[in-house]
Protein backbone atom coordinates (compact mmCIF):
# COMPACT_ATOMS: atom_id res chain seq x y z
CA MET A 1 -3.05 -8.16 17.27
CA ASN A 2 -6.52 -8.54 15.74
CA PHE A 3 -7.88 -6.55 12.82
CA VAL A 4 -9.79 -3.96 14.85
CA GLU A 5 -6.88 -3.41 17.23
CA GLU A 6 -4.64 -2.91 14.19
CA LEU A 7 -6.93 -0.15 12.88
CA ARG A 8 -7.12 1.42 16.34
CA TRP A 9 -3.39 1.84 17.00
CA ARG A 10 -2.81 3.07 13.46
CA GLY A 11 -5.40 5.84 14.08
CA MET A 12 -7.72 4.58 11.32
CA LEU A 13 -10.87 3.46 13.15
CA GLN A 14 -13.88 5.81 13.30
CA ASP A 15 -17.18 3.98 14.00
CA ILE A 16 -17.91 0.35 14.60
CA MET A 17 -21.18 -1.50 15.05
CA PRO A 18 -21.63 -3.42 18.33
CA GLY A 19 -20.55 -7.05 17.97
CA THR A 20 -18.27 -6.45 14.98
CA GLU A 21 -14.98 -6.97 16.80
CA GLU A 22 -16.32 -10.02 18.62
CA LEU A 23 -17.43 -11.59 15.31
CA LEU A 24 -14.05 -10.95 13.69
CA ASN A 25 -12.22 -12.49 16.66
CA LYS A 26 -14.47 -15.56 16.67
CA GLU A 27 -14.42 -16.64 13.03
CA GLN A 28 -13.05 -16.02 9.57
CA VAL A 29 -15.25 -13.42 7.91
CA ALA A 30 -15.83 -12.07 4.41
CA GLY A 31 -15.99 -8.28 4.35
CA TYR A 32 -16.25 -5.73 1.58
CA ILE A 33 -15.44 -2.19 0.56
CA GLY A 34 -16.92 -0.51 -2.49
CA PHE A 35 -14.99 1.62 -5.02
CA ASP A 36 -16.96 3.79 -7.46
CA PRO A 37 -15.41 3.79 -10.95
CA THR A 38 -16.00 7.50 -11.59
CA GLY A 39 -12.53 7.64 -13.16
CA ASP A 40 -10.08 5.20 -14.69
CA SER A 41 -7.68 5.39 -11.77
CA LEU A 42 -7.85 5.38 -8.00
CA HIS A 43 -6.11 8.20 -6.17
CA VAL A 44 -4.38 8.50 -2.79
CA GLY A 45 -7.73 9.30 -1.21
CA HIS A 46 -8.67 5.64 -1.84
CA LEU A 47 -5.53 4.30 -0.13
CA THR A 48 -7.10 4.27 3.35
CA GLN A 49 -9.72 1.77 2.12
CA ILE A 50 -7.15 -0.26 0.24
CA MET A 51 -5.02 -0.46 3.38
CA THR A 52 -8.11 -1.49 5.36
CA LEU A 53 -8.66 -4.44 2.99
CA ILE A 54 -4.95 -5.35 3.23
CA HIS A 55 -5.11 -5.43 7.06
CA PHE A 56 -8.35 -7.40 6.84
CA GLN A 57 -6.67 -10.00 4.65
CA HIS A 58 -3.53 -10.14 6.84
CA ALA A 59 -5.77 -10.81 9.86
CA GLY A 60 -7.01 -14.01 8.20
CA HIS A 61 -10.27 -12.71 6.73
CA LYS A 62 -11.55 -12.64 3.15
CA PRO A 63 -11.62 -9.18 1.50
CA ILE A 64 -14.15 -8.41 -1.22
CA ALA A 65 -13.46 -5.39 -3.42
CA LEU A 66 -16.72 -4.25 -4.97
CA VAL A 67 -16.25 -2.12 -8.06
CA GLY A 68 -19.50 -0.24 -8.53
CA GLY A 69 -20.31 -0.53 -12.19
CA ALA A 70 -23.96 0.14 -11.31
CA THR A 71 -23.59 2.68 -8.51
CA GLY A 72 -20.98 4.48 -10.57
CA MET A 73 -23.75 5.34 -13.02
CA ILE A 74 -25.43 7.34 -10.24
CA GLY A 75 -22.75 8.71 -7.89
CA ASP A 76 -22.85 8.69 -4.12
CA PRO A 77 -24.32 11.97 -2.77
CA SER A 78 -22.72 11.46 0.63
CA PHE A 79 -21.25 14.82 1.71
CA LYS A 80 -21.04 16.03 -1.89
CA SER A 81 -22.24 19.55 -2.70
CA ALA A 82 -23.51 18.77 -6.19
CA GLU A 83 -24.51 15.84 -8.37
CA ARG A 84 -21.79 14.09 -10.32
CA ASN A 85 -21.79 13.78 -14.08
CA LEU A 86 -23.38 10.51 -15.08
CA LEU A 87 -21.08 8.16 -17.07
CA ASP A 88 -22.02 6.06 -20.03
CA GLU A 89 -21.70 2.27 -19.99
CA ALA A 90 -18.56 2.08 -22.18
CA THR A 91 -16.67 4.57 -20.01
CA LEU A 92 -17.71 2.70 -16.86
CA LYS A 93 -16.57 -0.60 -18.34
CA HIS A 94 -13.14 0.86 -19.09
CA ASN A 95 -12.90 2.40 -15.61
CA VAL A 96 -13.85 -0.86 -13.89
CA ALA A 97 -11.12 -2.75 -15.76
CA SER A 98 -8.56 -0.08 -14.86
CA LEU A 99 -9.43 -0.19 -11.16
CA LYS A 100 -9.18 -3.96 -11.09
CA ASN A 101 -5.64 -3.74 -12.46
CA GLN A 102 -4.68 -1.33 -9.69
CA LEU A 103 -6.22 -3.30 -6.81
CA VAL A 104 -4.36 -6.43 -7.90
CA LYS A 105 -1.11 -4.69 -6.94
CA PHE A 106 -2.18 -4.42 -3.30
CA LEU A 107 -4.23 -7.54 -2.54
CA GLU A 108 -3.72 -11.25 -3.02
CA PHE A 109 -6.48 -12.41 -5.32
CA GLY A 110 -7.45 -16.05 -5.91
CA GLU A 111 -9.78 -18.80 -4.86
CA GLY A 112 -8.36 -19.51 -1.37
CA ASP A 113 -10.19 -18.88 1.89
CA THR A 114 -8.40 -15.58 2.51
CA ASP A 115 -7.79 -14.61 -1.11
CA ALA A 116 -9.42 -11.39 -2.23
CA LYS A 117 -12.40 -11.47 -4.51
CA MET A 118 -13.47 -8.81 -7.01
CA VAL A 119 -17.15 -8.23 -7.75
CA ASN A 120 -19.02 -5.71 -9.86
CA ASN A 121 -22.52 -4.72 -8.75
CA TYR A 122 -23.47 -4.12 -12.36
CA ASP A 123 -23.62 -7.92 -12.68
CA TRP A 124 -26.64 -8.19 -10.36
CA PHE A 125 -28.28 -4.86 -11.19
CA LYS A 126 -28.20 -5.02 -15.01
CA ASP A 127 -31.28 -7.31 -15.16
CA PHE A 128 -33.06 -5.82 -12.15
CA SER A 129 -36.04 -3.84 -13.42
CA PHE A 130 -37.06 -0.55 -11.83
CA LEU A 131 -40.45 -1.94 -10.83
CA GLU A 132 -38.85 -5.02 -9.23
CA PHE A 133 -36.43 -2.85 -7.34
CA ILE A 134 -38.99 -0.45 -5.84
CA ARG A 135 -41.28 -3.39 -5.01
CA ASP A 136 -38.68 -5.70 -3.44
CA VAL A 137 -36.21 -3.23 -1.99
CA GLY A 138 -37.93 0.14 -1.79
CA LYS A 139 -40.59 -1.18 0.54
CA LEU A 140 -37.97 -2.16 3.15
CA ILE A 141 -36.81 1.37 4.00
CA THR A 142 -39.03 4.37 4.76
CA VAL A 143 -38.50 7.81 3.32
CA ASN A 144 -38.33 9.13 6.88
CA TYR A 145 -35.41 6.78 7.60
CA MET A 146 -33.56 7.82 4.43
CA MET A 147 -34.07 11.54 5.02
CA ALA A 148 -32.73 11.30 8.58
CA LYS A 149 -29.23 10.56 7.21
CA ASP A 150 -26.83 13.49 7.66
CA SER A 151 -25.56 13.22 4.06
CA VAL A 152 -29.10 13.58 2.72
CA LYS A 153 -30.04 16.40 5.13
CA LYS A 154 -27.05 18.49 4.09
CA ARG A 155 -27.87 18.14 0.43
CA LEU A 156 -31.55 18.97 0.97
CA GLU A 157 -30.54 22.12 2.89
CA GLY A 158 -27.97 23.15 0.25
CA GLU A 159 -28.39 25.24 -2.85
CA ASN A 160 -28.29 22.33 -5.33
CA GLY A 161 -30.85 20.07 -3.67
CA LEU A 162 -30.88 16.30 -4.24
CA SER A 163 -32.17 14.43 -7.27
CA PHE A 164 -34.26 11.26 -6.92
CA THR A 165 -31.38 9.42 -8.66
CA GLU A 166 -28.97 10.29 -5.90
CA PHE A 167 -31.59 9.86 -3.19
CA SER A 168 -31.95 6.23 -4.31
CA TYR A 169 -28.17 5.61 -3.92
CA GLN A 170 -28.35 4.42 -0.32
CA LEU A 171 -30.99 1.84 -1.29
CA ILE A 172 -28.81 0.51 -4.07
CA GLN A 173 -25.70 0.33 -1.94
CA GLY A 174 -27.75 -1.19 0.84
CA TYR A 175 -28.93 -3.87 -1.57
CA ASP A 176 -25.26 -4.55 -2.48
CA PHE A 177 -24.65 -5.50 1.17
CA TYR A 178 -27.72 -7.75 1.17
CA TYR A 179 -26.67 -9.41 -2.12
CA LEU A 180 -23.13 -10.07 -0.92
CA TRP A 181 -24.46 -11.39 2.41
CA LYS A 182 -26.93 -13.67 0.63
CA ASN A 183 -24.65 -14.91 -2.15
CA HIS A 184 -21.09 -14.57 -0.83
CA GLY A 185 -21.55 -14.96 2.91
CA CYS A 186 -20.31 -11.40 3.45
CA LYS A 187 -21.03 -10.27 7.03
CA VAL A 188 -19.07 -6.98 7.27
CA GLN A 189 -19.07 -3.79 5.24
CA MET A 190 -16.29 -1.23 5.67
CA GLY A 191 -15.74 2.22 4.25
CA GLY A 192 -14.81 5.81 4.98
CA SER A 193 -16.63 7.76 7.69
CA ASP A 194 -18.93 9.28 5.03
CA GLN A 195 -20.27 5.76 4.31
CA TRP A 196 -21.68 5.09 7.79
CA GLY A 197 -25.27 5.94 6.77
CA ASN A 198 -25.13 3.69 3.71
CA ILE A 199 -23.63 0.84 5.75
CA VAL A 200 -26.38 1.13 8.38
CA THR A 201 -29.03 1.13 5.60
CA GLY A 202 -27.53 -2.08 4.22
CA SER A 203 -27.70 -3.75 7.59
CA GLU A 204 -31.36 -2.70 7.90
CA ILE A 205 -32.21 -4.21 4.49
CA VAL A 206 -30.60 -7.50 5.55
CA ARG A 207 -32.52 -7.47 8.82
CA ARG A 208 -35.90 -6.50 7.38
CA GLN A 209 -35.65 -8.76 4.33
CA GLU A 210 -34.51 -11.99 6.03
CA GLN A 211 -33.96 -11.16 9.72
CA GLY A 212 -30.18 -11.50 9.08
CA THR A 213 -27.45 -9.82 11.10
CA VAL A 214 -24.50 -8.04 9.53
CA PHE A 215 -21.89 -5.65 10.84
CA GLY A 216 -19.89 -2.64 9.80
CA LEU A 217 -17.10 -0.23 10.58
CA THR A 218 -15.70 2.97 9.12
CA THR A 219 -12.31 4.61 8.98
CA GLN A 220 -11.45 8.18 9.81
CA LEU A 221 -11.36 10.89 7.18
CA ILE A 222 -7.69 11.63 6.57
CA LYS A 223 -6.81 15.33 6.69
CA LYS A 224 -3.59 17.24 6.65
CA SER A 225 -2.46 18.77 9.93
CA ASP A 226 -3.35 22.25 8.59
CA GLY A 227 -6.90 21.10 7.90
CA GLN A 228 -6.54 20.90 4.12
CA LYS A 229 -7.97 17.97 2.21
CA PHE A 230 -5.65 15.00 2.00
CA GLY A 231 -4.51 13.93 -1.49
CA LYS A 232 -4.92 17.28 -3.21
CA THR A 233 -2.03 19.36 -4.56
CA GLU A 234 -1.91 22.58 -6.55
CA SER A 235 -1.97 20.52 -9.72
CA GLY A 236 -4.94 18.41 -8.58
CA ALA A 237 -5.40 14.86 -7.27
CA VAL A 238 -2.50 12.48 -6.73
CA TRP A 239 -3.33 9.39 -8.79
CA LEU A 240 -2.15 5.79 -8.48
CA ASP A 241 -1.85 5.58 -12.28
CA ALA A 242 1.70 6.41 -13.38
CA LYS A 243 0.37 8.07 -16.51
CA LYS A 244 -1.67 10.53 -14.44
CA THR A 245 0.82 11.12 -11.64
CA SER A 246 4.38 10.06 -12.40
CA PRO A 247 6.17 7.89 -9.81
CA TYR A 248 8.54 10.83 -9.21
CA LYS A 249 5.67 13.22 -8.41
CA TYR A 250 3.97 10.50 -6.37
CA TYR A 251 7.22 10.01 -4.37
CA GLN A 252 7.56 13.76 -3.90
CA PHE A 253 3.97 14.02 -2.57
CA TRP A 254 4.84 11.75 0.36
CA LEU A 255 8.36 13.12 0.77
CA ASN A 256 7.01 16.69 1.12
CA ALA A 257 4.67 15.81 3.98
CA THR A 258 5.06 17.82 7.18
CA ASP A 259 6.55 16.03 10.19
CA ASP A 260 3.13 15.79 11.89
CA ASP A 261 1.44 14.41 8.77
CA ALA A 262 4.26 11.97 8.01
CA LYS A 263 4.16 10.56 11.58
CA ASN A 264 0.42 9.89 11.13
CA TRP A 265 0.60 8.67 7.58
CA ILE A 266 3.40 6.18 8.11
CA LYS A 267 1.00 4.34 10.45
CA ILE A 268 -1.88 4.47 8.02
CA PHE A 269 -0.24 3.91 4.61
CA THR A 270 2.53 1.44 5.41
CA LEU A 271 2.44 -2.06 6.88
CA LYS A 272 5.38 -1.39 9.16
CA PRO A 273 4.85 -2.74 12.71
CA LYS A 274 4.47 -0.38 15.69
CA GLU A 275 7.96 -1.05 17.05
CA GLU A 276 9.62 -0.15 13.73
CA ILE A 277 7.53 2.99 13.29
CA ASP A 278 8.25 4.12 16.85
CA ALA A 279 12.01 3.60 16.19
CA ILE A 280 11.86 5.57 12.91
CA ILE A 281 10.01 8.44 14.60
CA ALA A 282 12.46 8.50 17.53
CA GLU A 283 15.44 8.61 15.15
CA HIS A 284 13.72 11.26 13.07
CA ASP A 285 13.24 13.48 16.14
CA GLN A 286 16.97 13.38 16.81
CA ALA A 287 17.64 14.95 13.37
CA PRO A 288 14.39 16.28 11.85
CA HIS A 289 16.25 17.88 8.92
CA MET A 290 17.07 14.36 7.66
CA ARG A 291 13.31 13.74 7.15
CA LEU A 292 13.65 10.04 7.99
CA VAL A 293 9.93 9.49 8.52
CA GLN A 294 9.10 11.09 5.18
CA LYS A 295 11.72 9.03 3.39
CA ALA A 296 10.56 5.76 4.97
CA LEU A 297 6.92 6.55 4.12
CA ALA A 298 7.67 7.65 0.54
CA LYS A 299 9.82 4.58 -0.14
CA ASP A 300 7.30 2.09 1.22
CA ILE A 301 4.20 3.42 -0.58
CA THR A 302 5.98 4.23 -3.86
CA ILE A 303 7.32 0.69 -4.14
CA ARG A 304 3.96 -0.87 -3.36
CA THR A 305 2.04 1.42 -5.73
CA HIS A 306 4.57 1.29 -8.55
CA SER A 307 7.83 -0.70 -8.28
CA GLU A 308 11.26 -0.74 -6.71
CA GLN A 309 12.76 0.51 -9.98
CA ASP A 310 10.29 3.42 -10.09
CA TYR A 311 11.23 4.28 -6.49
CA GLU A 312 14.96 4.25 -7.32
CA THR A 313 14.38 6.45 -10.37
CA ALA A 314 12.36 8.90 -8.23
CA VAL A 315 15.17 9.08 -5.67
CA LYS A 316 17.82 9.64 -8.38
CA THR A 317 15.59 12.28 -10.00
CA SER A 318 15.30 14.05 -6.62
CA GLU A 319 19.07 13.82 -6.05
CA PHE A 320 19.67 15.29 -9.48
CA LEU A 321 17.19 18.16 -9.20
CA PHE A 322 17.88 19.04 -5.54
CA GLY A 323 21.35 17.67 -4.84
CA ASN A 324 24.44 16.45 -6.64
CA GLY A 325 23.06 13.37 -8.34
CA THR A 326 24.29 12.24 -11.75
CA LEU A 327 22.44 12.13 -15.06
CA ASP A 328 22.95 8.37 -15.49
CA PHE A 329 19.39 7.52 -14.50
CA LEU A 330 18.03 9.34 -17.57
CA SER A 331 19.44 6.70 -19.89
CA ASN A 332 16.80 4.23 -18.66
CA LEU A 333 13.85 6.56 -19.15
CA ALA A 334 11.48 6.87 -22.11
CA HIS A 335 10.97 10.33 -23.63
CA GLU A 336 7.65 10.85 -21.79
CA ALA A 337 9.36 9.99 -18.46
CA VAL A 338 12.19 12.47 -19.17
CA LEU A 339 9.60 15.18 -19.83
CA GLU A 340 7.97 14.28 -16.48
CA VAL A 341 11.28 14.73 -14.70
CA PHE A 342 11.59 18.20 -16.17
CA ASP A 343 7.93 19.09 -15.81
CA GLY A 344 7.70 22.79 -15.03
CA VAL A 345 11.25 23.37 -16.26
CA PRO A 346 11.65 25.75 -19.28
CA GLN A 347 12.14 23.65 -22.40
CA PHE A 348 13.50 24.48 -25.83
CA GLU A 349 13.96 22.62 -29.14
CA ILE A 350 16.85 22.73 -31.59
CA ALA A 351 17.12 20.98 -34.96
CA LYS A 352 19.58 18.11 -34.87
CA ASP A 353 21.22 19.00 -38.20
CA LYS A 354 22.01 22.48 -36.89
CA LEU A 355 23.61 21.12 -33.71
CA ALA A 356 25.55 18.56 -35.78
CA GLY A 357 27.48 21.47 -37.37
CA GLY A 358 28.31 22.87 -33.93
CA ILE A 359 26.85 25.87 -32.10
CA ASN A 360 28.82 28.36 -29.99
CA ILE A 361 27.87 28.11 -26.36
CA LEU A 362 26.72 31.76 -26.16
CA ASP A 363 24.49 31.28 -29.24
CA LEU A 364 23.08 28.11 -27.71
CA LEU A 365 22.23 29.85 -24.46
CA ALA A 366 20.90 33.17 -25.77
CA VAL A 367 19.97 32.74 -29.44
CA ASP A 368 18.89 29.15 -30.11
CA SER A 369 17.29 29.04 -26.66
CA GLN A 370 16.32 31.67 -24.14
CA VAL A 371 18.25 30.39 -21.15
CA PHE A 372 19.62 33.94 -21.03
CA PRO A 373 17.96 37.06 -22.48
CA SER A 374 21.25 38.17 -24.12
CA LYS A 375 24.71 36.93 -25.03
CA GLY A 376 26.14 39.55 -22.70
CA GLU A 377 24.40 38.05 -19.67
CA ALA A 378 25.28 34.55 -20.75
CA ARG A 379 28.97 35.55 -21.10
CA LYS A 380 29.04 37.19 -17.68
CA MET A 381 27.52 34.25 -15.80
CA LEU A 382 29.48 31.67 -17.77
CA GLN A 383 32.78 33.39 -16.98
CA GLY A 384 31.76 33.54 -13.32
CA GLY A 385 31.29 29.77 -13.23
CA GLY A 386 27.53 29.90 -12.86
CA VAL A 387 26.57 27.75 -15.88
CA SER A 388 26.67 23.97 -16.23
CA LEU A 389 25.94 21.76 -19.24
CA ASN A 390 25.00 18.18 -18.45
CA ARG A 391 26.24 18.67 -14.89
CA GLU A 392 29.68 19.95 -15.98
CA LYS A 393 30.63 23.57 -15.14
CA LEU A 394 31.53 25.74 -18.15
CA ASN A 395 33.85 28.75 -18.39
CA ASP A 396 34.99 28.79 -22.02
CA ILE A 397 32.93 31.31 -24.00
CA GLU A 398 34.49 30.02 -27.22
CA MET A 399 33.46 26.38 -26.76
CA THR A 400 31.31 24.66 -29.39
CA VAL A 401 28.45 22.34 -28.51
CA ASN A 402 27.55 19.53 -30.93
CA THR A 403 25.73 16.20 -30.98
CA ASP A 404 28.59 14.50 -29.09
CA GLN A 405 27.33 16.13 -25.91
CA LEU A 406 23.77 14.82 -26.23
CA ILE A 407 22.27 12.66 -23.48
CA ASN A 408 20.25 9.75 -24.87
CA ASN A 409 21.18 11.19 -28.27
CA LYS A 410 18.37 13.72 -27.62
CA TYR A 411 18.87 16.11 -24.69
CA LEU A 412 21.06 18.90 -23.39
CA ILE A 413 20.50 19.92 -19.75
CA VAL A 414 21.58 23.42 -18.80
CA GLN A 415 21.84 24.57 -15.22
CA ARG A 416 21.96 28.27 -14.46
CA GLY A 417 22.97 28.88 -10.87
CA LYS A 418 22.15 26.15 -8.38
CA LYS A 419 18.47 25.43 -8.98
CA ASN A 420 17.47 26.79 -12.39
CA TYR A 421 17.27 23.98 -14.95
CA TYR A 422 16.55 24.13 -18.69
CA LEU A 423 15.90 21.18 -20.99
CA ILE A 424 16.92 21.45 -24.64
CA THR A 425 15.49 18.74 -26.81
CA VAL A 426 17.11 18.04 -30.15
CA GLN A 427 14.72 16.92 -32.83
């Protein structure tokens, strides 16, 4: 199966220039996708483009990942309602380095024919004067041509308008395509569906500057089945950086997908072949409550974004919070990771020297913490078997808790009922 056919059956392909598929079937081609370093981490919204480059590489072509150190200073106006905040050079430099570290996890980089290459457009724009640019590049594209683009039209018709800085973005990105064609033999640009206008502009610059021919294709905008934007949760974007979105939360994002979304996403965000995906979906449909598609999707993408160990910890965390899993997995976690596991769970602190002398269980639950509003309520639920400490059910209202019961020499985990957890940290 060739590259374009791969994108088609996975439901990824949107638009493609005439001749692109023929070129890719005829010879090995270098193709690029740009990533703007507006932050120091990519998020799941970038995964479609990362997967596109992976498939491109697997099809025997050479992927080029362009990190836009120059374009990131401006911000792409395509289908945005307002201008982005402009970033300073030091911030952009940090962001570019961070994005490089993330892309290395997904693509094989090196000097071979099909090894991925990383480029930064700041390298060729930093010494390009404004006068040179408007003389050599600006003359190639008319204002009429630029204003005809849908992304520009929408901004001109909107309340916020369009600054000259943003208006120039398609020229700058178009020049990127020309530069990569001229200096790296790059014949194909790829991107999301919102990049079609910029890709076409790049092909025009190549044609008008040197009568060259280049090609392009775009991938579909990924949406949830309910029409909501993909990659957004109540707490914000889902990041690839473990410090911004923990592997557990990342795993949960995929695991919580609806059946319809998971059946689409397993094609887009995993490398599983069609036969295997069809088999997983068929098995899933026999017992939807087992969520087999979601589990296969979440496992695959969590391991590739983070690691097998992070995936296993995420599963054990889920089993602990939502099932009957043990607490053993906590012993391998740093303090910050433990706090991530119990994010959103009520947390209390107790002095270690106080616990060392022993604290009555009712005092622990209702005085030194607020697991219960009163000792009376704590007594009633404890005697009814509704309280657990570190996964063990309690019923003795006279018991004393001390440092011997600490997990990792630092934590006590109280469970009230089946799903109400409380974390007590001993300092």
